[in-house]
Amino acid sequence: MSCPVVADLVRNVSASLEEALGLRGPFDRQVRRARRSLPRALRREADLLAHGWHRAHHPKLARSIDRARLRLAHDRLIAYLGRANAGARRRALIQDWVQTITVNLLAAALVLAGVAAWHSLI
């Protein structure tokens, strides 16, 4: 037996995580994998929602769930994930990676030129 309100909230956030970040699977696994992609405050909100989802399956613990707080966490996560763009994130990640490699190659070339000049090879 689970609380239908919490199940609906989790279902909505799970669908948004799959759409925005490409994460599939059970909700708790989605939350674990999304931790790096979410800001710190939203990590706490996702953890709170996952914890509430687990508590909703227990009849006595389900009574102690703060549904208003879970709804607020749901609204914040949905608002953030609605703005998240997986393609833009991927492009930015690749662009950062290319920039890092370029700077490292430039630094290596400068060191190599410095060593060559030091040994009077240039």
C-alpha atoms as a PDB file:
ATOM      1  CA  MET A   1       0.000   0.000   0.000  1.00  0.00           C
ATOM      2  CA  SER A   2       1.382   3.377  -0.944  1.00  0.00           C
ATOM      3  CA  CYS A   3       0.222   6.955  -0.766  1.00  0.00           C
ATOM      4  CA  PRO A   4      -1.208   7.942  -4.186  1.00  0.00           C
ATOM      5  CA  VAL A   5      -0.236  11.608  -3.760  1.00  0.00           C
ATOM      6  CA  VAL A   6       3.438  10.761  -3.246  1.00  0.00           C
ATOM      7  CA  ALA A   7       3.333   8.211  -6.062  1.00  0.00           C
ATOM      8  CA  ASP A   8       2.008  10.878  -8.463  1.00  0.00           C
ATOM      9  CA  LEU A   9       4.712  13.350  -7.412  1.00  0.00           C
ATOM     10  CA  VAL A  10       7.431  10.735  -7.869  1.00  0.00           C
ATOM     11  CA  ARG A  11       6.013   9.662 -11.234  1.00  0.00           C
ATOM     12  CA  ASN A  12       6.090  13.263 -12.505  1.00  0.00           C
ATOM     13  CA  VAL A  13       9.657  13.889 -11.328  1.00  0.00           C
ATOM     14  CA  SER A  14      10.792  10.530 -12.698  1.00  0.00           C
ATOM     15  CA  ALA A  15       9.380  11.367 -16.131  1.00  0.00           C
ATOM     16  CA  SER A  16      11.070  14.784 -16.016  1.00  0.00           C
ATOM     17  CA  LEU A  17      14.413  13.231 -15.040  1.00  0.00           C
ATOM     18  CA  GLU A  18      14.138  10.831 -17.948  1.00  0.00           C
ATOM     19  CA  GLU A  19      13.219  13.588 -20.402  1.00  0.00           C
ATOM     20  CA  ALA A  20      15.658  16.282 -19.245  1.00  0.00           C
ATOM     21  CA  LEU A  21      18.695  14.237 -18.224  1.00  0.00           C
ATOM     22  CA  GLY A  22      18.106  10.947 -20.049  1.00  0.00           C
ATOM     23  CA  LEU A  23      18.009   8.903 -16.838  1.00  0.00           C
ATOM     24  CA  ARG A  24      15.979   5.703 -16.844  1.00  0.00           C
ATOM     25  CA  GLY A  25      15.167   3.100 -14.254  1.00  0.00           C
ATOM     26  CA  PRO A  26      13.636   3.154 -10.784  1.00  0.00           C
ATOM     27  CA  PHE A  27      13.244   6.531  -9.095  1.00  0.00           C
ATOM     28  CA  ASP A  28      15.869   5.980  -6.396  1.00  0.00           C
ATOM     29  CA  ARG A  29      18.441   5.019  -9.055  1.00  0.00           C
ATOM     30  CA  GLN A  30      17.506   8.075 -11.121  1.00  0.00           C
ATOM     31  CA  VAL A  31      18.041  10.299  -8.071  1.00  0.00           C
ATOM     32  CA  ARG A  32      21.444   8.724  -7.346  1.00  0.00           C
ATOM     33  CA  ARG A  33      22.585   9.216 -10.935  1.00  0.00           C
ATOM     34  CA  ALA A  34      21.207  12.758 -11.174  1.00  0.00           C
ATOM     35  CA  ARG A  35      23.057  13.990  -8.079  1.00  0.00           C
ATOM     36  CA  ARG A  36      26.010  15.354 -10.062  1.00  0.00           C
ATOM     37  CA  SER A  37      23.727  17.164 -12.483  1.00  0.00           C
ATOM     38  CA  LEU A  38      21.598  18.919  -9.865  1.00  0.00           C
ATOM     39  CA  PRO A  39      22.474  21.960  -7.766  1.00  0.00           C
ATOM     40  CA  ARG A  40      23.022  21.256  -4.064  1.00  0.00           C
ATOM     41  CA  ALA A  41      19.613  22.559  -2.934  1.00  0.00           C
ATOM     42  CA  LEU A  42      17.843  20.431  -5.520  1.00  0.00           C
ATOM     43  CA  ARG A  43      19.854  17.359  -4.506  1.00  0.00           C
ATOM     44  CA  ARG A  44      18.317  17.718  -1.060  1.00  0.00           C
ATOM     45  CA  GLU A  45      14.866  18.098  -2.600  1.00  0.00           C
ATOM     46  CA  ALA A  46      15.356  14.955  -4.704  1.00  0.00           C
ATOM     47  CA  ASP A  47      16.621  13.031  -1.669  1.00  0.00           C
ATOM     48  CA  LEU A  48      13.619  14.241   0.343  1.00  0.00           C
ATOM     49  CA  LEU A  49      11.248  13.052  -2.371  1.00  0.00           C
ATOM     50  CA  ALA A  50      12.992   9.663  -2.606  1.00  0.00           C
ATOM     51  CA  HIS A  51      12.863   9.290   1.181  1.00  0.00           C
ATOM     52  CA  GLY A  52       9.166  10.193   1.192  1.00  0.00           C
ATOM     53  CA  TRP A  53       8.547   7.680  -1.568  1.00  0.00           C
ATOM     54  CA  HIS A  54      10.101   4.906   0.536  1.00  0.00           C
ATOM     55  CA  ARG A  55       8.123   5.973   3.608  1.00  0.00           C
ATOM     56  CA  ALA A  56       4.886   5.986   1.614  1.00  0.00           C
ATOM     57  CA  HIS A  57       5.088   2.212   1.223  1.00  0.00           C
ATOM     58  CA  HIS A  58       4.866   1.664   4.975  1.00  0.00           C
ATOM     59  CA  PRO A  59       1.377   2.212   6.465  1.00  0.00           C
ATOM     60  CA  LYS A  60       2.494   3.740   9.764  1.00  0.00           C
ATOM     61  CA  LEU A  61       5.331   5.788   8.311  1.00  0.00           C
ATOM     62  CA  ALA A  62       3.068   7.085   5.540  1.00  0.00           C
ATOM     63  CA  ARG A  63       1.103   9.044   8.151  1.00  0.00           C
ATOM     64  CA  SER A  64       4.204  11.041   9.092  1.00  0.00           C
ATOM     65  CA  ILE A  65       4.927  12.290   5.564  1.00  0.00           C
ATOM     66  CA  ASP A  66       4.838  16.061   5.141  1.00  0.00           C
ATOM     67  CA  ARG A  67       2.913  16.193   1.881  1.00  0.00           C
ATOM     68  CA  ALA A  68       3.165  19.976   1.577  1.00  0.00           C
ATOM     69  CA  ARG A  69       6.980  19.781   1.818  1.00  0.00           C
ATOM     70  CA  LEU A  70       7.061  16.975  -0.763  1.00  0.00           C
ATOM     71  CA  ARG A  71       4.845  19.007  -3.092  1.00  0.00           C
ATOM     72  CA  LEU A  72       7.218  21.978  -2.725  1.00  0.00           C
ATOM     73  CA  ALA A  73      10.212  19.726  -3.504  1.00  0.00           C
ATOM     74  CA  HIS A  74       8.318  18.359  -6.511  1.00  0.00           C
ATOM     75  CA  ASP A  75       7.531  21.849  -7.798  1.00  0.00           C
ATOM     76  CA  ARG A  76      11.148  22.993  -7.448  1.00  0.00           C
ATOM     77  CA  LEU A  77      12.504  19.920  -9.223  1.00  0.00           C
ATOM     78  CA  ILE A  78       9.965  20.166 -12.038  1.00  0.00           C
ATOM     79  CA  ALA A  79      10.753  23.866 -12.515  1.00  0.00           C
ATOM     80  CA  TYR A  80      14.496  23.175 -12.735  1.00  0.00           C
ATOM     81  CA  LEU A  81      14.171  20.123 -14.967  1.00  0.00           C
ATOM     82  CA  GLY A  82      11.840  22.013 -17.280  1.00  0.00           C
ATOM     83  CA  ARG A  83      14.669  24.467 -17.942  1.00  0.00           C
ATOM     84  CA  ALA A  84      17.376  21.794 -18.216  1.00  0.00           C
ATOM     85  CA  ASN A  85      18.481  20.955 -21.743  1.00  0.00           C
ATOM     86  CA  ALA A  86      20.433  17.741 -22.152  1.00  0.00           C
ATOM     87  CA  GLY A  87      21.792  18.726 -25.578  1.00  0.00           C
ATOM     88  CA  ALA A  88      23.147  22.043 -24.330  1.00  0.00           C
ATOM     89  CA  ARG A  89      24.713  20.325 -21.308  1.00  0.00           C
ATOM     90  CA  ARG A  90      26.387  17.772 -23.567  1.00  0.00           C
ATOM     91  CA  ARG A  91      27.697  20.474 -25.938  1.00  0.00           C
ATOM     92  CA  ALA A  92      29.059  22.488 -23.015  1.00  0.00           C
ATOM     93  CA  LEU A  93      30.752  19.386 -21.602  1.00  0.00           C
ATOM     94  CA  ILE A  94      32.403  18.575 -24.935  1.00  0.00           C
ATOM     95  CA  GLN A  95      33.410  22.205 -25.427  1.00  0.00           C
ATOM     96  CA  ASP A  96      35.022  22.315 -21.964  1.00  0.00           C
ATOM     97  CA  TRP A  97      36.837  19.063 -22.706  1.00  0.00           C
ATOM     98  CA  VAL A  98      38.200  20.395 -26.019  1.00  0.00           C
ATOM     99  CA  GLN A  99      39.304  23.653 -24.368  1.00  0.00           C
ATOM    100  CA  THR A 100      41.126  21.743 -21.628  1.00  0.00           C
ATOM    101  CA  ILE A 101      42.981  19.588 -24.141  1.00  0.00           C
ATOM    102  CA  THR A 102      43.888  22.661 -26.226  1.00  0.00           C
ATOM    103  CA  VAL A 103      45.318  24.529 -23.238  1.00  0.00           C
ATOM    104  CA  ASN A 104      47.264  21.441 -22.127  1.00  0.00           C
ATOM    105  CA  LEU A 105      48.743  20.966 -25.617  1.00  0.00           C
ATOM    106  CA  LEU A 106      49.681  24.649 -25.774  1.00  0.00           C
ATOM    107  CA  ALA A 107      51.372  24.424 -22.372  1.00  0.00           C
ATOM    108  CA  ALA A 108      53.256  21.293 -23.438  1.00  0.00           C
ATOM    109  CA  ALA A 109      54.411  22.982 -26.652  1.00  0.00           C
ATOM    110  CA  LEU A 110      55.650  26.013 -24.676  1.00  0.00           C
ATOM    111  CA  VAL A 111      57.554  23.774 -22.272  1.00  0.00           C
ATOM    112  CA  LEU A 112      59.055  21.841 -25.181  1.00  0.00           C
ATOM    113  CA  ALA A 113      60.077  25.095 -26.918  1.00  0.00           C
ATOM    114  CA  GLY A 114      61.580  26.370 -23.644  1.00  0.00           C
ATOM    115  CA  VAL A 115      63.630  23.201 -23.177  1.00  0.00           C
ATOM    116  CA  ALA A 116      64.751  23.317 -26.816  1.00  0.00           C
ATOM    117  CA  ALA A 117      65.812  26.966 -26.425  1.00  0.00           C
ATOM    118  CA  TRP A 118      67.583  26.190 -23.167  1.00  0.00           C
ATOM    119  CA  HIS A 119      69.636  23.471 -24.841  1.00  0.00           C
ATOM    120  CA  SER A 120      70.350  25.786 -27.814  1.00  0.00           C
ATOM    121  CA  LEU A 121      68.474  23.596 -30.266  1.00  0.00           C
ATOM    122  CA  ILE A 122      66.478  26.497 -31.687  1.00  0.00           C
END
